[in-house]
Amino acid sequence: MSILVALNIFAAVIIFVHCVCKLSLRHWKWHESGLWINAMLIGGAVGSVFISLLNQKLPEWPEILIECGLAMLFTMRTWRLWREGLLFPKTRGKNAGKT
């Protein structure tokens, strides 16, 4: 497996985790755009991982750049949600920054 394929898979996993966390924070109504946006991103992330694993073909540069950019954005947003205590309500972010 090449480094570019691994990078593509890693970015897709980060996108998947963020979208699942975002969807699990509240009850969504079927007509809300946030539900459909996150669901489509989850589908795209899963599809990207499977295509990368099955084809073993090098992904195109625009695909890598888009997925890495989204992964960085979603990592920052997930960190903010965790720090504010929205992901795990019992800890309320008390462990943020502690190792």
PDB file of N, CA and C in Angstrom:
ATOM      1  N   MET A   1       0.850  -1.173   0.000  1.00  0.00           N
ATOM      2  CA  MET A   1       0.000   0.000   0.000  1.00  0.00           C
ATOM      3  C   MET A   1       0.895   1.235   0.000  1.00  0.00           C
ATOM      4  N   SER A   2       0.571   2.163  -0.852  1.00  0.00           N
ATOM      5  CA  SER A   2       1.393   3.366  -0.941  1.00  0.00           C
ATOM      6  C   SER A   2       1.014   4.368   0.156  1.00  0.00           C
ATOM      7  N   ILE A   3       1.856   5.327   0.346  1.00  0.00           N
ATOM      8  CA  ILE A   3       1.626   6.360   1.358  1.00  0.00           C
ATOM      9  C   ILE A   3       0.397   7.190   0.994  1.00  0.00           C
ATOM     10  N   LEU A   4       0.196   7.459  -0.286  1.00  0.00           N
ATOM     11  CA  LEU A   4      -0.963   8.249  -0.699  1.00  0.00           C
ATOM     12  C   LEU A   4      -2.271   7.518  -0.432  1.00  0.00           C
ATOM     13  N   VAL A   5      -2.300   6.215  -0.659  1.00  0.00           N
ATOM     14  CA  VAL A   5      -3.502   5.432  -0.367  1.00  0.00           C
ATOM     15  C   VAL A   5      -3.752   5.432   1.138  1.00  0.00           C
ATOM     16  N   ALA A   6      -2.693   5.247   1.932  1.00  0.00           N
ATOM     17  CA  ALA A   6      -2.838   5.259   3.394  1.00  0.00           C
ATOM     18  C   ALA A   6      -3.316   6.622   3.888  1.00  0.00           C
ATOM     19  N   LEU A   7      -2.793   7.692   3.309  1.00  0.00           N
ATOM     20  CA  LEU A   7      -3.227   9.035   3.684  1.00  0.00           C
ATOM     21  C   LEU A   7      -4.697   9.253   3.342  1.00  0.00           C
ATOM     22  N   ASN A   8      -5.109   8.773   2.192  1.00  0.00           N
ATOM     23  CA  ASN A   8      -6.498   8.885   1.769  1.00  0.00           C
ATOM     24  C   ASN A   8      -7.425   8.120   2.716  1.00  0.00           C
ATOM     25  N   ILE A   9      -7.025   6.922   3.106  1.00  0.00           N
ATOM     26  CA  ILE A   9      -7.820   6.114   4.033  1.00  0.00           C
ATOM     27  C   ILE A   9      -7.881   6.783   5.405  1.00  0.00           C
ATOM     28  N   PHE A  10      -6.760   7.288   5.884  1.00  0.00           N
ATOM     29  CA  PHE A  10      -6.709   7.949   7.194  1.00  0.00           C
ATOM     30  C   PHE A  10      -7.635   9.170   7.220  1.00  0.00           C
ATOM     31  N   ALA A  11      -7.601   9.973   6.164  1.00  0.00           N
ATOM     32  CA  ALA A  11      -8.473  11.153   6.091  1.00  0.00           C
ATOM     33  C   ALA A  11      -9.938  10.737   6.056  1.00  0.00           C
ATOM     34  N   ALA A  12     -10.257   9.685   5.318  1.00  0.00           N
ATOM     35  CA  ALA A  12     -11.639   9.217   5.238  1.00  0.00           C
ATOM     36  C   ALA A  12     -12.132   8.712   6.588  1.00  0.00           C
ATOM     37  N   VAL A  13     -11.266   8.065   7.350  1.00  0.00           N
ATOM     38  CA  VAL A  13     -11.650   7.579   8.685  1.00  0.00           C
ATOM     39  C   VAL A  13     -11.935   8.759   9.618  1.00  0.00           C
ATOM     40  N   ILE A  14     -11.127   9.797   9.556  1.00  0.00           N
ATOM     41  CA  ILE A  14     -11.369  10.983  10.383  1.00  0.00           C
ATOM     42  C   ILE A  14     -12.707  11.626  10.012  1.00  0.00           C
ATOM     43  N   ILE A  15     -12.998  11.737   8.730  1.00  0.00           N
ATOM     44  CA  ILE A  15     -14.274  12.296   8.282  1.00  0.00           C
ATOM     45  C   ILE A  15     -15.424  11.440   8.799  1.00  0.00           C
ATOM     46  N   PHE A  16     -15.290  10.126   8.702  1.00  0.00           N
ATOM     47  CA  PHE A  16     -16.327   9.212   9.171  1.00  0.00           C
ATOM     48  C   PHE A  16     -16.591   9.395  10.665  1.00  0.00           C
ATOM     49  N   VAL A  17     -15.520   9.431  11.465  1.00  0.00           N
ATOM     50  CA  VAL A  17     -15.670   9.563  12.926  1.00  0.00           C
ATOM     51  C   VAL A  17     -16.347  10.877  13.280  1.00  0.00           C
ATOM     52  N   HIS A  18     -15.936  11.969  12.646  1.00  0.00           N
ATOM     53  CA  HIS A  18     -16.549  13.259  12.953  1.00  0.00           C
ATOM     54  C   HIS A  18     -18.033  13.251  12.624  1.00  0.00           C
ATOM     55  N   CYS A  19     -18.400  12.747  11.469  1.00  0.00           N
ATOM     56  CA  CYS A  19     -19.802  12.775  11.062  1.00  0.00           C
ATOM     57  C   CYS A  19     -20.666  11.888  11.956  1.00  0.00           C
ATOM     58  N   VAL A  20     -20.142  10.742  12.365  1.00  0.00           N
ATOM     59  CA  VAL A  20     -20.888   9.882  13.275  1.00  0.00           C
ATOM     60  C   VAL A  20     -21.071  10.579  14.622  1.00  0.00           C
ATOM     61  N   CYS A  21     -20.014  11.221  15.122  1.00  0.00           N
ATOM     62  CA  CYS A  21     -20.131  11.970  16.383  1.00  0.00           C
ATOM     63  C   CYS A  21     -21.149  13.090  16.252  1.00  0.00           C
ATOM     64  N   LYS A  22     -21.107  13.801  15.154  1.00  0.00           N
ATOM     65  CA  LYS A  22     -22.027  14.913  14.928  1.00  0.00           C
ATOM     66  C   LYS A  22     -23.474  14.424  14.868  1.00  0.00           C
ATOM     67  N   LEU A  23     -23.702  13.309  14.192  1.00  0.00           N
ATOM     68  CA  LEU A  23     -25.061  12.783  14.088  1.00  0.00           C
ATOM     69  C   LEU A  23     -25.571  12.241  15.411  1.00  0.00           C
ATOM     70  N   SER A  24     -24.672  11.786  16.281  1.00  0.00           N
ATOM     71  CA  SER A  24     -25.102  11.197  17.546  1.00  0.00           C
ATOM     72  C   SER A  24     -25.359  12.238  18.638  1.00  0.00           C
ATOM     73  N   LEU A  25     -25.090  13.501  18.367  1.00  0.00           N
ATOM     74  CA  LEU A  25     -25.250  14.527  19.403  1.00  0.00           C
ATOM     75  C   LEU A  25     -26.704  14.878  19.691  1.00  0.00           C
ATOM     76  N   ARG A  26     -27.568  14.715  18.717  1.00  0.00           N
ATOM     77  CA  ARG A  26     -28.966  15.097  18.938  1.00  0.00           C
ATOM     78  C   ARG A  26     -29.867  14.287  18.031  1.00  0.00           C
ATOM     79  N   HIS A  27     -31.175  14.438  18.241  1.00  0.00           N
ATOM     80  CA  HIS A  27     -32.160  13.795  17.377  1.00  0.00           C
ATOM     81  C   HIS A  27     -32.396  14.690  16.173  1.00  0.00           C
ATOM     82  N   TRP A  28     -32.302  14.104  15.004  1.00  0.00           N
ATOM     83  CA  TRP A  28     -32.449  14.854  13.770  1.00  0.00           C
ATOM     84  C   TRP A  28     -33.829  14.610  13.185  1.00  0.00           C
ATOM     85  N   LYS A  29     -34.356  15.596  12.530  1.00  0.00           N
ATOM     86  CA  LYS A  29     -35.583  15.447  11.749  1.00  0.00           C
ATOM     87  C   LYS A  29     -35.169  15.123  10.320  1.00  0.00           C
ATOM     88  N   TRP A  30     -35.978  14.389   9.609  1.00  0.00           N
ATOM     89  CA  TRP A  30     -35.605  13.927   8.270  1.00  0.00           C
ATOM     90  C   TRP A  30     -35.404  15.064   7.279  1.00  0.00           C
ATOM     91  N   HIS A  31     -35.994  16.223   7.521  1.00  0.00           N
ATOM     92  CA  HIS A  31     -35.901  17.332   6.568  1.00  0.00           C
ATOM     93  C   HIS A  31     -34.727  18.281   6.857  1.00  0.00           C
ATOM     94  N   GLU A  32     -33.953  18.026   7.891  1.00  0.00           N
ATOM     95  CA  GLU A  32     -32.827  18.897   8.225  1.00  0.00           C
ATOM     96  C   GLU A  32     -31.632  18.614   7.318  1.00  0.00           C
ATOM     97  N   SER A  33     -31.068  19.670   6.795  1.00  0.00           N
ATOM     98  CA  SER A  33     -29.957  19.509   5.851  1.00  0.00           C
ATOM     99  C   SER A  33     -28.712  18.931   6.515  1.00  0.00           C
ATOM    100  N   GLY A  34     -28.467  19.237   7.780  1.00  0.00           N
ATOM    101  CA  GLY A  34     -27.295  18.710   8.484  1.00  0.00           C
ATOM    102  C   GLY A  34     -27.277  17.191   8.530  1.00  0.00           C
ATOM    103  N   LEU A  35     -28.450  16.592   8.682  1.00  0.00           N
ATOM    104  CA  LEU A  35     -28.558  15.137   8.680  1.00  0.00           C
ATOM    105  C   LEU A  35     -28.089  14.564   7.356  1.00  0.00           C
ATOM    106  N   TRP A  36     -28.565  15.133   6.259  1.00  0.00           N
ATOM    107  CA  TRP A  36     -28.243  14.615   4.932  1.00  0.00           C
ATOM    108  C   TRP A  36     -26.796  14.909   4.535  1.00  0.00           C
ATOM    109  N   ILE A  37     -26.289  16.071   4.937  1.00  0.00           N
ATOM    110  CA  ILE A  37     -24.897  16.395   4.641  1.00  0.00           C
ATOM    111  C   ILE A  37     -23.961  15.406   5.330  1.00  0.00           C
ATOM    112  N   ASN A  38     -24.185  15.171   6.622  1.00  0.00           N
ATOM    113  CA  ASN A  38     -23.331  14.239   7.360  1.00  0.00           C
ATOM    114  C   ASN A  38     -23.506  12.810   6.857  1.00  0.00           C
ATOM    115  N   ALA A  39     -24.725  12.432   6.505  1.00  0.00           N
ATOM    116  CA  ALA A  39     -24.951  11.087   5.970  1.00  0.00           C
ATOM    117  C   ALA A  39     -24.224  10.895   4.641  1.00  0.00           C
ATOM    118  N   MET A  40     -24.237  11.907   3.786  1.00  0.00           N
ATOM    119  CA  MET A  40     -23.529  11.800   2.512  1.00  0.00           C
ATOM    120  C   MET A  40     -22.013  11.751   2.720  1.00  0.00           C
ATOM    121  N   LEU A  41     -21.508  12.520   3.686  1.00  0.00           N
ATOM    122  CA  LEU A  41     -20.078  12.474   3.978  1.00  0.00           C
ATOM    123  C   LEU A  41     -19.667  11.113   4.539  1.00  0.00           C
ATOM    124  N   ILE A  42     -20.529  10.507   5.354  1.00  0.00           N
ATOM    125  CA  ILE A  42     -20.249   9.161   5.860  1.00  0.00           C
ATOM    126  C   ILE A  42     -20.187   8.175   4.704  1.00  0.00           C
ATOM    127  N   GLY A  43     -21.163   8.250   3.806  1.00  0.00           N
ATOM    128  CA  GLY A  43     -21.164   7.363   2.645  1.00  0.00           C
ATOM    129  C   GLY A  43     -19.939   7.566   1.767  1.00  0.00           C
ATOM    130  N   GLY A  44     -19.547   8.818   1.574  1.00  0.00           N
ATOM    131  CA  GLY A  44     -18.355   9.107   0.785  1.00  0.00           C
ATOM    132  C   GLY A  44     -17.091   8.593   1.439  1.00  0.00           C
ATOM    133  N   ALA A  45     -17.014   8.713   2.760  1.00  0.00           N
ATOM    134  CA  ALA A  45     -15.828   8.238   3.481  1.00  0.00           C
ATOM    135  C   ALA A  45     -15.725   6.718   3.413  1.00  0.00           C
ATOM    136  N   VAL A  46     -16.851   6.035   3.620  1.00  0.00           N
ATOM    137  CA  VAL A  46     -16.846   4.569   3.542  1.00  0.00           C
ATOM    138  C   VAL A  46     -16.497   4.120   2.125  1.00  0.00           C
ATOM    139  N   GLY A  47     -17.095   4.767   1.138  1.00  0.00           N
ATOM    140  CA  GLY A  47     -16.795   4.430  -0.246  1.00  0.00           C
ATOM    141  C   GLY A  47     -15.337   4.679  -0.600  1.00  0.00           C
ATOM    142  N   SER A  48     -14.784   5.753  -0.102  1.00  0.00           N
ATOM    143  CA  SER A  48     -13.383   6.068  -0.377  1.00  0.00           C
ATOM    144  C   SER A  48     -12.447   5.011   0.205  1.00  0.00           C
ATOM    145  N   VAL A  49     -12.752   4.546   1.419  1.00  0.00           N
ATOM    146  CA  VAL A  49     -11.926   3.504   2.038  1.00  0.00           C
ATOM    147  C   VAL A  49     -12.016   2.211   1.234  1.00  0.00           C
ATOM    148  N   PHE A  50     -13.234   1.802   0.877  1.00  0.00           N
ATOM    149  CA  PHE A  50     -13.390   0.552   0.139  1.00  0.00           C
ATOM    150  C   PHE A  50     -12.745   0.620  -1.241  1.00  0.00           C
ATOM    151  N   ILE A  51     -12.898   1.727  -1.928  1.00  0.00           N
ATOM    152  CA  ILE A  51     -12.283   1.859  -3.247  1.00  0.00           C
ATOM    153  C   ILE A  51     -10.760   1.834  -3.126  1.00  0.00           C
ATOM    154  N   SER A  52     -10.238   2.509  -2.110  1.00  0.00           N
ATOM    155  CA  SER A  52      -8.780   2.511  -1.911  1.00  0.00           C
ATOM    156  C   SER A  52      -8.259   1.121  -1.580  1.00  0.00           C
ATOM    157  N   LEU A  53      -9.001   0.373  -0.776  1.00  0.00           N
ATOM    158  CA  LEU A  53      -8.552  -0.961  -0.387  1.00  0.00           C
ATOM    159  C   LEU A  53      -8.714  -1.978  -1.514  1.00  0.00           C
ATOM    160  N   LEU A  54      -9.801  -1.880  -2.265  1.00  0.00           N
ATOM    161  CA  LEU A  54     -10.057  -2.865  -3.311  1.00  0.00           C
ATOM    162  C   LEU A  54      -9.215  -2.623  -4.565  1.00  0.00           C
ATOM    163  N   ASN A  55      -9.107  -1.379  -4.993  1.00  0.00           N
ATOM    164  CA  ASN A  55      -8.408  -1.086  -6.243  1.00  0.00           C
ATOM    165  C   ASN A  55      -6.902  -0.995  -6.080  1.00  0.00           C
ATOM    166  N   GLN A  56      -6.443  -0.554  -4.938  1.00  0.00           N
ATOM    167  CA  GLN A  56      -5.026  -0.292  -4.703  1.00  0.00           C
ATOM    168  C   GLN A  56      -4.460   0.644  -5.772  1.00  0.00           C
ATOM    169  N   LYS A  57      -5.340   1.493  -6.292  1.00  0.00           N
ATOM    170  CA  LYS A  57      -4.939   2.466  -7.305  1.00  0.00           C
ATOM    171  C   LYS A  57      -4.654   3.786  -6.611  1.00  0.00           C
ATOM    172  N   LEU A  58      -3.642   4.483  -7.068  1.00  0.00           N
ATOM    173  CA  LEU A  58      -3.319   5.768  -6.451  1.00  0.00           C
ATOM    174  C   LEU A  58      -4.472   6.749  -6.658  1.00  0.00           C
ATOM    175  N   PRO A  59      -4.917   7.393  -5.582  1.00  0.00           N
ATOM    176  CA  PRO A  59      -5.984   8.385  -5.733  1.00  0.00           C
ATOM    177  C   PRO A  59      -5.459   9.633  -6.442  1.00  0.00           C
ATOM    178  N   GLU A  60      -6.365  10.357  -7.028  1.00  0.00           N
ATOM    179  CA  GLU A  60      -6.000  11.603  -7.697  1.00  0.00           C
ATOM    180  C   GLU A  60      -5.670  12.669  -6.649  1.00  0.00           C
ATOM    181  N   TRP A  61      -4.804  13.622  -7.008  1.00  0.00           N
ATOM    182  CA  TRP A  61      -4.394  14.680  -6.078  1.00  0.00           C
ATOM    183  C   TRP A  61      -5.559  15.514  -5.570  1.00  0.00           C
ATOM    184  N   PRO A  62      -6.529  15.920  -6.409  1.00  0.00           N
ATOM    185  CA  PRO A  62      -7.650  16.697  -5.868  1.00  0.00           C
ATOM    186  C   PRO A  62      -8.435  15.939  -4.804  1.00  0.00           C
ATOM    187  N   GLU A  63      -8.586  14.634  -4.997  1.00  0.00           N
ATOM    188  CA  GLU A  63      -9.293  13.825  -4.003  1.00  0.00           C
ATOM    189  C   GLU A  63      -8.544  13.824  -2.673  1.00  0.00           C
ATOM    190  N   ILE A  64      -7.227  13.666  -2.738  1.00  0.00           N
ATOM    191  CA  ILE A  64      -6.420  13.661  -1.513  1.00  0.00           C
ATOM    192  C   ILE A  64      -6.491  15.018  -0.819  1.00  0.00           C
ATOM    193  N   LEU A  65      -6.376  16.094  -1.583  1.00  0.00           N
ATOM    194  CA  LEU A  65      -6.416  17.433  -0.986  1.00  0.00           C
ATOM    195  C   LEU A  65      -7.763  17.723  -0.340  1.00  0.00           C
ATOM    196  N   ILE A  66      -8.847  17.356  -1.016  1.00  0.00           N
ATOM    197  CA  ILE A  66     -10.180  17.594  -0.447  1.00  0.00           C
ATOM    198  C   ILE A  66     -10.363  16.783   0.831  1.00  0.00           C
ATOM    199  N   GLU A  67      -9.999  15.508   0.794  1.00  0.00           N
ATOM    200  CA  GLU A  67     -10.197  14.670   1.981  1.00  0.00           C
ATOM    201  C   GLU A  67      -9.307  15.098   3.138  1.00  0.00           C
ATOM    202  N   CYS A  68      -8.078  15.478   2.857  1.00  0.00           N
ATOM    203  CA  CYS A  68      -7.192  15.940   3.940  1.00  0.00           C
ATOM    204  C   CYS A  68      -7.677  17.267   4.518  1.00  0.00           C
ATOM    205  N   GLY A  69      -8.148  18.157   3.666  1.00  0.00           N
ATOM    206  CA  GLY A  69      -8.696  19.426   4.151  1.00  0.00           C
ATOM    207  C   GLY A  69      -9.929  19.223   5.019  1.00  0.00           C
ATOM    208  N   LEU A  70     -10.831  18.358   4.568  1.00  0.00           N
ATOM    209  CA  LEU A  70     -12.011  18.047   5.375  1.00  0.00           C
ATOM    210  C   LEU A  70     -11.615  17.365   6.680  1.00  0.00           C
ATOM    211  N   ALA A  71     -10.643  16.474   6.617  1.00  0.00           N
ATOM    212  CA  ALA A  71     -10.203  15.783   7.830  1.00  0.00           C
ATOM    213  C   ALA A  71      -9.628  16.766   8.849  1.00  0.00           C
ATOM    214  N   MET A  72      -8.838  17.727   8.381  1.00  0.00           N
ATOM    215  CA  MET A  72      -8.289  18.730   9.305  1.00  0.00           C
ATOM    216  C   MET A  72      -9.400  19.592   9.901  1.00  0.00           C
ATOM    217  N   LEU A  73     -10.342  20.005   9.068  1.00  0.00           N
ATOM    218  CA  LEU A  73     -11.468  20.807   9.551  1.00  0.00           C
ATOM    219  C   LEU A  73     -12.287  20.034  10.579  1.00  0.00           C
ATOM    220  N   PHE A  74     -12.581  18.781  10.277  1.00  0.00           N
ATOM    221  CA  PHE A  74     -13.404  17.989  11.173  1.00  0.00           C
ATOM    222  C   PHE A  74     -12.659  17.597  12.441  1.00  0.00           C
ATOM    223  N   THR A  75     -11.344  17.460  12.367  1.00  0.00           N
ATOM    224  CA  THR A  75     -10.569  17.198  13.581  1.00  0.00           C
ATOM    225  C   THR A  75     -10.662  18.387  14.528  1.00  0.00           C
ATOM    226  N   MET A  76     -10.544  19.586  13.982  1.00  0.00           N
ATOM    227  CA  MET A  76     -10.671  20.787  14.820  1.00  0.00           C
ATOM    228  C   MET A  76     -12.067  20.883  15.422  1.00  0.00           C
ATOM    229  N   ARG A  77     -13.082  20.603  14.637  1.00  0.00           N
ATOM    230  CA  ARG A  77     -14.457  20.690  15.142  1.00  0.00           C
ATOM    231  C   ARG A  77     -14.745  19.622  16.186  1.00  0.00           C
ATOM    232  N   THR A  78     -14.258  18.396  15.966  1.00  0.00           N
ATOM    233  CA  THR A  78     -14.470  17.331  16.944  1.00  0.00           C
ATOM    234  C   THR A  78     -13.745  17.658  18.244  1.00  0.00           C
ATOM    235  N   TRP A  79     -12.537  18.202  18.143  1.00  0.00           N
ATOM    236  CA  TRP A  79     -11.798  18.607  19.342  1.00  0.00           C
ATOM    237  C   TRP A  79     -12.573  19.666  20.107  1.00  0.00           C
ATOM    238  N   ARG A  80     -13.151  20.632  19.388  1.00  0.00           N
ATOM    239  CA  ARG A  80     -13.935  21.682  20.045  1.00  0.00           C
ATOM    240  C   ARG A  80     -15.158  21.083  20.742  1.00  0.00           C
ATOM    241  N   LEU A  81     -15.855  20.161  20.087  1.00  0.00           N
ATOM    242  CA  LEU A  81     -17.018  19.525  20.698  1.00  0.00           C
ATOM    243  C   LEU A  81     -16.625  18.768  21.958  1.00  0.00           C
ATOM    244  N   TRP A  82     -15.501  18.072  21.910  1.00  0.00           N
ATOM    245  CA  TRP A  82     -15.054  17.327  23.078  1.00  0.00           C
ATOM    246  C   TRP A  82     -14.638  18.271  24.199  1.00  0.00           C
ATOM    247  N   ARG A  83     -13.911  19.334  23.846  1.00  0.00           N
ATOM    248  CA  ARG A  83     -13.429  20.288  24.839  1.00  0.00           C
ATOM    249  C   ARG A  83     -14.595  20.981  25.544  1.00  0.00           C
ATOM    250  N   GLU A  84     -15.669  21.257  24.814  1.00  0.00           N
ATOM    251  CA  GLU A  84     -16.830  21.915  25.405  1.00  0.00           C
ATOM    252  C   GLU A  84     -17.741  20.935  26.132  1.00  0.00           C
ATOM    253  N   GLY A  85     -17.393  19.652  26.108  1.00  0.00           N
ATOM    254  CA  GLY A  85     -18.170  18.660  26.842  1.00  0.00           C
ATOM    255  C   GLY A  85     -19.422  18.204  26.129  1.00  0.00           C
ATOM    256  N   LEU A  86     -19.517  18.422  24.826  1.00  0.00           N
ATOM    257  CA  LEU A  86     -20.718  18.034  24.107  1.00  0.00           C
ATOM    258  C   LEU A  86     -20.684  16.580  23.637  1.00  0.00           C
ATOM    259  N   LEU A  87     -19.490  16.016  23.451  1.00  0.00           N
ATOM    260  CA  LEU A  87     -19.407  14.621  22.997  1.00  0.00           C
ATOM    261  C   LEU A  87     -19.655  13.647  24.135  1.00  0.00           C
ATOM    262  N   PHE A  88     -19.056  13.903  25.282  1.00  0.00           N
ATOM    263  CA  PHE A  88     -19.215  13.039  26.444  1.00  0.00           C
ATOM    264  C   PHE A  88     -19.722  13.894  27.596  1.00  0.00           C
ATOM    265  N   PRO A  89     -21.047  14.009  27.740  1.00  0.00           N
ATOM    266  CA  PRO A  89     -21.626  14.936  28.719  1.00  0.00           C
ATOM    267  C   PRO A  89     -21.192  14.702  30.155  1.00  0.00           C
ATOM    268  N   LYS A  90     -20.834  13.484  30.533  1.00  0.00           N
ATOM    269  CA  LYS A  90     -20.477  13.219  31.922  1.00  0.00           C
ATOM    270  C   LYS A  90     -19.159  13.868  32.305  1.00  0.00           C
ATOM    271  N   THR A  91     -18.211  13.965  31.368  1.00  0.00           N
ATOM    272  CA  THR A  91     -16.915  14.557  31.704  1.00  0.00           C
ATOM    273  C   THR A  91     -16.921  16.065  31.514  1.00  0.00           C
ATOM    274  N   ARG A  92     -17.804  16.583  30.657  1.00  0.00           N
ATOM    275  CA  ARG A  92     -17.903  18.025  30.373  1.00  0.00           C
ATOM    276  C   ARG A  92     -16.569  18.637  29.998  1.00  0.00           C
ATOM    277  N   GLY A  93     -15.704  17.860  29.353  1.00  0.00           N
ATOM    278  CA  GLY A  93     -14.418  18.399  28.894  1.00  0.00           C
ATOM    279  C   GLY A  93     -13.405  18.588  30.010  1.00  0.00           C
ATOM    280  N   LYS A  94     -13.651  18.007  31.183  1.00  0.00           N
ATOM    281  CA  LYS A  94     -12.730  18.195  32.301  1.00  0.00           C
ATOM    282  C   LYS A  94     -11.359  17.601  32.030  1.00  0.00           C
ATOM    283  N   ASN A  95     -11.307  16.602  31.168  1.00  0.00           N
ATOM    284  CA  ASN A  95     -10.032  15.949  30.857  1.00  0.00           C
ATOM    285  C   ASN A  95      -9.346  16.570  29.665  1.00  0.00           C
ATOM    286  N   ALA A  96      -9.885  17.637  29.134  1.00  0.00           N
ATOM    287  CA  ALA A  96      -9.281  18.265  27.940  1.00  0.00           C
ATOM    288  C   ALA A  96      -7.914  18.824  28.296  1.00  0.00           C
ATOM    289  N   GLY A  97      -6.940  18.487  27.511  1.00  0.00           N
ATOM    290  CA  GLY A  97      -5.592  18.981  27.721  1.00  0.00           C
ATOM    291  C   GLY A  97      -4.783  18.194  28.732  1.00  0.00           C
ATOM    292  N   LYS A  98      -5.408  17.228  29.407  1.00  0.00           N
ATOM    293  CA  LYS A  98      -4.694  16.405  30.381  1.00  0.00           C
ATOM    294  C   LYS A  98      -4.308  15.084  29.743  1.00  0.00           C
ATOM    295  N   THR A  99      -3.187  14.572  30.154  1.00  0.00           N
ATOM    296  CA  THR A  99      -2.755  13.265  29.629  1.00  0.00           C
ATOM    297  C   THR A  99      -2.736  12.238  30.708  1.00  0.00           C
TER     298      THR A  99
END
